[in-house]
Amino acid sequence: LILGDEIDYLVTKNQGLLYNLFDWSSRAHAQLALIGISNTVDLPERLLPRLNSRIGLSRVPFLPYSHADLAQILRVRLGDLAVFEGSGLELAARKVASVSGDVRRALDICRRATEIAEARTAEIADAPPAPPQAHKTGSGGGSGGEGIGESRVTIADIDQAVRSLQQAAPVRALRRLPEAQQLLLVAAQLEAEKTGRAEIPARAILARYRVVCRQHANAHDNTPALTDGELRIALVALYGWRMLTPLAPISGSAAAMTNACELDDLVRVTIQSDDLRIALKSEGVNDIAKAALQ
């Protein structure tokens, strides 16, 4: 049994490597089963016919995690720690499911919430002792019960962790970008998700940008109409912010970088897709980009 993960990275110009693998497994007496995992669901349709004929028809789509899936994963990973109060894990799962369904983001929220709880507990431990109070009937022994549960991660800690991630420096920077640059980032993200590739040609990003603008031109009157030169300048600006990274490094002044920018250069999206989605969920932030990324 061969399990090939991210086999879309094995696609070459003549697709010879993938053809040999699938042809080998399709032979009558080959004691081999081949399972391929791709970042895109339409990989077979994008292959040459001679290779497509070698691929079986059975597909198993992996959909984004729902909040129930995320909650179950968090309970399995963190439930034994018994430090999360009530439905804290459920809240973290719902917050992430509403954006992307990325389990890594859910774990980040839980980690940040734990840090907040630890800081609160340390602050309580370092605080000077409270002055003694008079004994009251029914108090259960005075102040001996104070502080119980302070070391647990509360719902408030989870909520504060979510807010802190929403106010993280990358998210704030994304919110403040000009609309054209936000749209270019959305175009790059959509193109990366469609192709399943981490590196995509700059030309494809600009083409996707124009598609997004055409699709939403009727619904939004403020669709930015930029020339090719202006789009290249915006693209180079994103290189400077390290939100997109060309695989062939270019340097110098902005004008020199713009002149050196080749549309066939491969570009890597270096921002987190969750950060981009969180930034665009804010009120008054680029309705076109927000609609395109939904």
Protein backbone atom coordinates (compact mmCIF):
# COMPACT_ATOMS: atom_id res chain seq x y z
CA LEU A 1 0.00 0.00 0.00
CA ILE A 2 1.38 3.39 -1.05
CA LEU A 3 -0.19 6.49 0.44
CA GLY A 4 0.82 9.61 -1.47
CA ASP A 5 0.08 12.85 0.35
CA GLU A 6 -0.24 16.13 -1.61
CA ILE A 7 0.25 14.36 -4.91
CA ASP A 8 -0.63 17.57 -6.75
CA TYR A 9 2.99 18.56 -6.07
CA LEU A 10 4.08 15.60 -8.21
CA VAL A 11 2.34 16.99 -11.30
CA THR A 12 4.98 17.77 -13.92
CA LYS A 13 4.67 19.05 -17.46
CA ASN A 14 4.31 15.57 -18.99
CA GLN A 15 2.92 14.07 -15.75
CA GLY A 16 5.21 11.07 -16.22
CA LEU A 17 5.85 10.37 -12.52
CA LEU A 18 2.17 10.17 -11.60
CA TYR A 19 1.42 8.18 -14.74
CA ASN A 20 4.02 5.53 -13.85
CA LEU A 21 2.69 5.25 -10.29
CA PHE A 22 -0.95 4.84 -11.26
CA ASP A 23 -0.11 2.66 -14.25
CA TRP A 24 1.88 0.35 -11.99
CA SER A 25 -1.05 -0.04 -9.59
CA SER A 26 -3.51 -0.72 -12.45
CA ARG A 27 -1.64 -3.71 -13.86
CA ALA A 28 -3.36 -7.06 -13.55
CA HIS A 29 -0.84 -8.80 -11.26
CA ALA A 30 0.51 -5.77 -9.43
CA GLN A 31 0.17 -6.41 -5.71
CA LEU A 32 -0.09 -2.72 -5.05
CA ALA A 33 -2.78 -0.33 -3.89
CA LEU A 34 -2.20 3.39 -4.36
CA ILE A 35 -4.10 6.09 -2.44
CA GLY A 36 -3.49 9.69 -3.42
CA ILE A 37 -4.31 12.71 -1.26
CA SER A 38 -4.65 16.04 -3.03
CA ASN A 39 -5.24 19.57 -1.81
CA THR A 40 -7.89 20.02 -4.51
CA VAL A 41 -10.94 17.91 -5.38
CA ASP A 42 -10.63 18.50 -9.13
CA LEU A 43 -7.11 17.15 -9.61
CA PRO A 44 -8.21 14.24 -11.89
CA GLU A 45 -9.99 16.69 -14.20
CA ARG A 46 -6.81 18.76 -14.53
CA LEU A 47 -4.66 15.79 -15.56
CA LEU A 48 -3.93 14.55 -19.04
CA PRO A 49 -6.45 11.98 -20.37
CA ARG A 50 -3.87 9.17 -20.43
CA LEU A 51 -3.29 9.65 -16.70
CA ASN A 52 -6.91 10.33 -15.83
CA SER A 53 -7.82 6.92 -17.27
CA ARG A 54 -5.51 5.26 -14.74
CA ILE A 55 -7.10 6.88 -11.72
CA GLY A 56 -10.03 5.13 -10.08
CA LEU A 57 -13.39 6.78 -9.69
CA SER A 58 -13.54 6.44 -5.90
CA ARG A 59 -13.11 9.76 -4.11
CA VAL A 60 -13.41 10.64 -0.46
CA PRO A 61 -13.82 14.40 0.06
CA PHE A 62 -12.43 15.83 3.30
CA LEU A 63 -14.68 18.74 4.25
CA PRO A 64 -13.69 21.47 6.73
CA TYR A 65 -14.25 20.49 10.34
CA SER A 66 -17.61 21.43 11.81
CA HIS A 67 -17.85 22.83 15.32
CA ALA A 68 -18.88 19.35 16.56
CA ASP A 69 -15.79 17.81 14.92
CA LEU A 70 -13.52 20.45 16.40
CA ALA A 71 -15.04 20.09 19.86
CA GLN A 72 -14.50 16.32 19.73
CA ILE A 73 -10.86 16.75 18.66
CA LEU A 74 -10.25 19.26 21.44
CA ARG A 75 -11.83 16.96 24.01
CA VAL A 76 -9.63 14.08 22.87
CA ARG A 77 -6.49 16.23 22.84
CA LEU A 78 -7.15 18.33 25.95
CA GLY A 79 -10.01 16.74 27.86
CA ASP A 80 -7.73 14.68 30.12
CA LEU A 81 -6.12 17.86 31.43
CA ALA A 82 -9.36 18.77 33.25
CA VAL A 83 -8.43 22.45 33.30
CA PHE A 84 -11.12 23.82 30.99
CA GLU A 85 -14.26 25.00 32.67
CA GLY A 86 -17.73 24.08 31.46
CA SER A 87 -18.22 24.49 27.73
CA GLY A 88 -14.97 26.34 27.10
CA LEU A 89 -13.79 23.87 24.47
CA GLU A 90 -17.19 24.06 22.78
CA LEU A 91 -16.87 27.86 22.60
CA ALA A 92 -13.39 27.64 21.05
CA ALA A 93 -14.67 25.11 18.50
CA ARG A 94 -17.62 27.31 17.50
CA LYS A 95 -15.44 30.41 17.12
CA VAL A 96 -13.04 28.60 14.77
CA ALA A 97 -15.74 26.77 12.81
CA SER A 98 -17.34 30.12 11.95
CA VAL A 99 -14.11 31.22 10.22
CA SER A 100 -12.28 28.27 8.68
CA GLY A 101 -12.61 25.01 10.62
CA ASP A 102 -8.83 24.81 11.06
CA VAL A 103 -8.07 22.67 14.11
CA ARG A 104 -4.68 24.36 14.51
CA ARG A 105 -6.41 27.68 15.14
CA ALA A 106 -8.65 26.04 17.76
CA LEU A 107 -5.58 24.67 19.53
CA ASP A 108 -3.96 28.13 19.35
CA ILE A 109 -6.99 29.62 21.08
CA CYS A 110 -6.83 26.97 23.83
CA ARG A 111 -3.10 27.54 24.27
CA ARG A 112 -3.58 31.31 24.52
CA ALA A 113 -6.48 30.88 26.96
CA THR A 114 -4.27 28.66 29.13
CA GLU A 115 -1.57 31.35 29.17
CA ILE A 116 -4.17 33.93 30.22
CA ALA A 117 -5.40 31.66 33.03
CA GLU A 118 -1.83 31.02 34.21
CA ALA A 119 -1.07 34.74 34.26
CA ARG A 120 -4.24 35.40 36.26
CA THR A 121 -3.40 32.65 38.75
CA ALA A 122 0.14 33.98 39.19
CA GLU A 123 -1.22 37.49 39.77
CA ILE A 124 -3.57 36.17 42.46
CA ALA A 125 -0.75 34.21 44.11
CA ASP A 126 1.53 37.26 44.18
CA ALA A 127 -1.15 39.57 45.56
CA PRO A 128 -0.84 40.53 49.25
CA PRO A 129 -3.18 38.58 51.54
CA ALA A 130 -6.57 40.16 52.16
CA PRO A 131 -7.20 41.54 55.65
CA PRO A 132 -9.00 39.12 57.96
CA GLN A 133 -12.76 39.42 57.97
CA ALA A 134 -15.21 38.72 60.73
CA HIS A 135 -16.72 35.25 60.72
CA LYS A 136 -20.19 35.14 59.22
CA THR A 137 -22.74 32.47 59.85
CA GLY A 138 -23.11 30.13 56.88
CA SER A 139 -19.86 31.19 55.25
CA GLY A 140 -18.52 27.66 55.35
CA GLY A 141 -15.42 28.49 57.37
CA GLY A 142 -14.64 32.06 56.38
CA SER A 143 -12.38 32.80 53.42
CA GLY A 144 -10.87 29.34 53.10
CA GLY A 145 -12.79 28.72 49.86
CA GLU A 146 -11.55 31.86 48.08
CA GLY A 147 -9.51 31.24 44.94
CA ILE A 148 -11.01 27.83 44.25
CA GLY A 149 -11.23 27.30 40.52
CA GLU A 150 -8.97 30.30 39.78
CA SER A 151 -6.42 27.96 38.11
CA ARG A 152 -9.01 26.64 35.64
CA VAL A 153 -9.43 28.03 32.13
CA THR A 154 -12.76 29.83 32.17
CA ILE A 155 -15.17 30.88 29.43
CA ALA A 156 -13.91 34.43 29.92
CA ASP A 157 -10.33 33.24 29.26
CA ILE A 158 -11.43 31.58 26.01
CA ASP A 159 -13.28 34.72 24.94
CA GLN A 160 -10.28 36.90 25.77
CA ALA A 161 -8.01 34.54 23.80
CA VAL A 162 -10.26 34.84 20.75
CA ARG A 163 -10.23 38.64 21.02
CA SER A 164 -6.45 38.74 21.40
CA LEU A 165 -5.99 36.67 18.23
CA GLN A 166 -8.42 38.96 16.41
CA GLN A 167 -6.29 41.93 17.48
CA ALA A 168 -2.97 40.29 16.62
CA ALA A 169 -0.47 42.38 14.64
CA PRO A 170 -0.98 40.50 11.31
CA VAL A 171 -4.76 40.95 11.52
CA ARG A 172 -4.45 44.67 12.29
CA ALA A 173 -2.02 45.11 9.40
CA LEU A 174 -4.39 43.34 7.01
CA ARG A 175 -7.29 45.58 8.05
CA ARG A 176 -5.24 48.70 7.28
CA LEU A 177 -4.14 47.69 3.79
CA PRO A 178 -5.53 49.59 0.80
CA GLU A 179 -8.51 47.86 -0.79
CA ALA A 180 -6.58 46.88 -3.93
CA GLN A 181 -3.92 45.10 -1.86
CA GLN A 182 -6.57 43.33 0.22
CA LEU A 183 -8.22 42.15 -2.99
CA LEU A 184 -4.90 40.93 -4.37
CA LEU A 185 -4.35 38.89 -1.19
CA VAL A 186 -7.84 37.43 -1.51
CA ALA A 187 -7.12 36.61 -5.17
CA ALA A 188 -3.86 34.91 -4.20
CA GLN A 189 -5.59 32.92 -1.45
CA LEU A 190 -8.41 31.82 -3.78
CA GLU A 191 -5.94 30.80 -6.47
CA ALA A 192 -3.86 28.82 -3.97
CA GLU A 193 -6.97 27.05 -2.67
CA LYS A 194 -8.20 26.26 -6.18
CA THR A 195 -4.89 24.86 -7.43
CA GLY A 196 -3.77 23.33 -4.14
CA ARG A 197 -0.32 24.79 -4.71
CA ALA A 198 1.70 26.76 -2.18
CA GLU A 199 3.42 28.65 -5.01
CA ILE A 200 1.40 30.29 -7.77
CA PRO A 201 2.40 32.53 -10.70
CA ALA A 202 1.97 36.26 -10.21
CA ARG A 203 0.11 36.29 -13.52
CA ALA A 204 -2.53 33.94 -12.06
CA ILE A 205 -3.01 36.24 -9.06
CA LEU A 206 -3.69 39.22 -11.29
CA ALA A 207 -6.05 37.17 -13.47
CA ARG A 208 -7.95 35.99 -10.39
CA TYR A 209 -8.12 39.60 -9.17
CA ARG A 210 -9.86 40.64 -12.38
CA VAL A 211 -12.28 37.70 -12.12
CA VAL A 212 -13.20 38.71 -8.56
CA CYS A 213 -13.75 42.33 -9.62
CA ARG A 214 -15.98 41.29 -12.53
CA GLN A 215 -18.01 38.94 -10.35
CA HIS A 216 -18.77 41.62 -7.76
CA ALA A 217 -18.89 44.72 -9.98
CA ASN A 218 -22.69 44.82 -10.01
CA ALA A 219 -23.15 44.29 -6.28
CA HIS A 220 -20.49 46.83 -5.27
CA ASP A 221 -20.06 50.17 -7.01
CA ASN A 222 -16.65 50.78 -5.44
CA THR A 223 -14.86 47.98 -7.28
CA PRO A 224 -11.30 49.32 -7.75
CA ALA A 225 -10.42 49.50 -11.47
CA LEU A 226 -6.62 49.43 -11.68
CA THR A 227 -4.31 49.30 -14.65
CA ASP A 228 -1.76 46.52 -15.07
CA GLY A 229 0.98 48.87 -13.90
CA GLU A 230 -0.95 49.82 -10.75
CA LEU A 231 -1.59 46.15 -10.00
CA ARG A 232 2.12 45.38 -10.29
CA ILE A 233 2.88 48.23 -7.88
CA ALA A 234 0.30 46.86 -5.40
CA LEU A 235 1.77 43.36 -5.80
CA VAL A 236 5.30 44.61 -5.07
CA ALA A 237 3.96 46.48 -2.01
CA LEU A 238 2.70 43.15 -0.65
CA TYR A 239 6.17 41.70 -1.27
CA GLY A 240 7.54 44.51 0.89
CA TRP A 241 5.07 43.71 3.68
CA ARG A 242 6.13 40.02 3.46
CA MET A 243 2.50 39.02 2.91
CA LEU A 244 3.43 37.58 -0.47
CA THR A 245 6.92 36.26 -1.15
CA PRO A 246 8.37 35.81 -4.65
CA LEU A 247 10.45 32.66 -4.99
CA ALA A 248 12.95 34.64 -7.09
CA PRO A 249 13.97 37.37 -4.61
CA ILE A 250 13.92 40.95 -5.88
CA SER A 251 15.31 43.95 -4.06
CA GLY A 252 15.98 47.64 -4.41
CA SER A 253 13.66 50.61 -4.47
CA ALA A 254 9.94 50.20 -5.05
CA ALA A 255 10.35 51.34 -8.66
CA ALA A 256 13.23 48.91 -9.24
CA MET A 257 11.29 46.05 -7.68
CA THR A 258 8.25 46.86 -9.83
CA ASN A 259 10.39 46.80 -12.98
CA ALA A 260 11.98 43.51 -11.91
CA CYS A 261 8.62 41.90 -11.11
CA GLU A 262 7.94 39.22 -13.72
CA LEU A 263 4.40 37.92 -14.08
CA ASP A 264 5.66 34.38 -14.56
CA ASP A 265 7.50 34.46 -11.22
CA LEU A 266 6.15 32.05 -8.62
CA VAL A 267 4.75 33.64 -5.48
CA ARG A 268 4.05 32.12 -2.07
CA VAL A 269 1.22 33.34 0.16
CA THR A 270 2.89 33.88 3.53
CA ILE A 271 -0.06 35.12 5.58
CA GLN A 272 -2.35 32.73 7.42
CA SER A 273 -5.68 32.27 5.67
CA ASP A 274 -7.44 32.52 9.05
CA ASP A 275 -5.83 35.92 9.70
CA LEU A 276 -7.09 37.17 6.34
CA ARG A 277 -10.62 35.91 7.01
CA ILE A 278 -10.68 37.35 10.53
CA ALA A 279 -9.48 40.73 9.26
CA LEU A 280 -12.15 40.85 6.57
CA LYS A 281 -14.95 39.88 8.96
CA SER A 282 -14.69 43.29 10.61
CA GLU A 283 -17.37 45.86 9.89
CA GLY A 284 -16.53 48.38 7.17
CA VAL A 285 -13.60 46.41 5.77
CA ASN A 286 -13.57 45.85 1.99
CA ASP A 287 -16.98 44.38 1.21
CA ILE A 288 -15.76 43.02 -2.15
CA ALA A 289 -12.89 41.06 -0.64
CA LYS A 290 -15.17 39.86 2.16
CA ALA A 291 -17.78 38.62 -0.31
CA ALA A 292 -15.19 36.94 -2.53
CA LEU A 293 -13.65 34.99 0.35
CA GLN A 294 -16.93 33.65 1.75
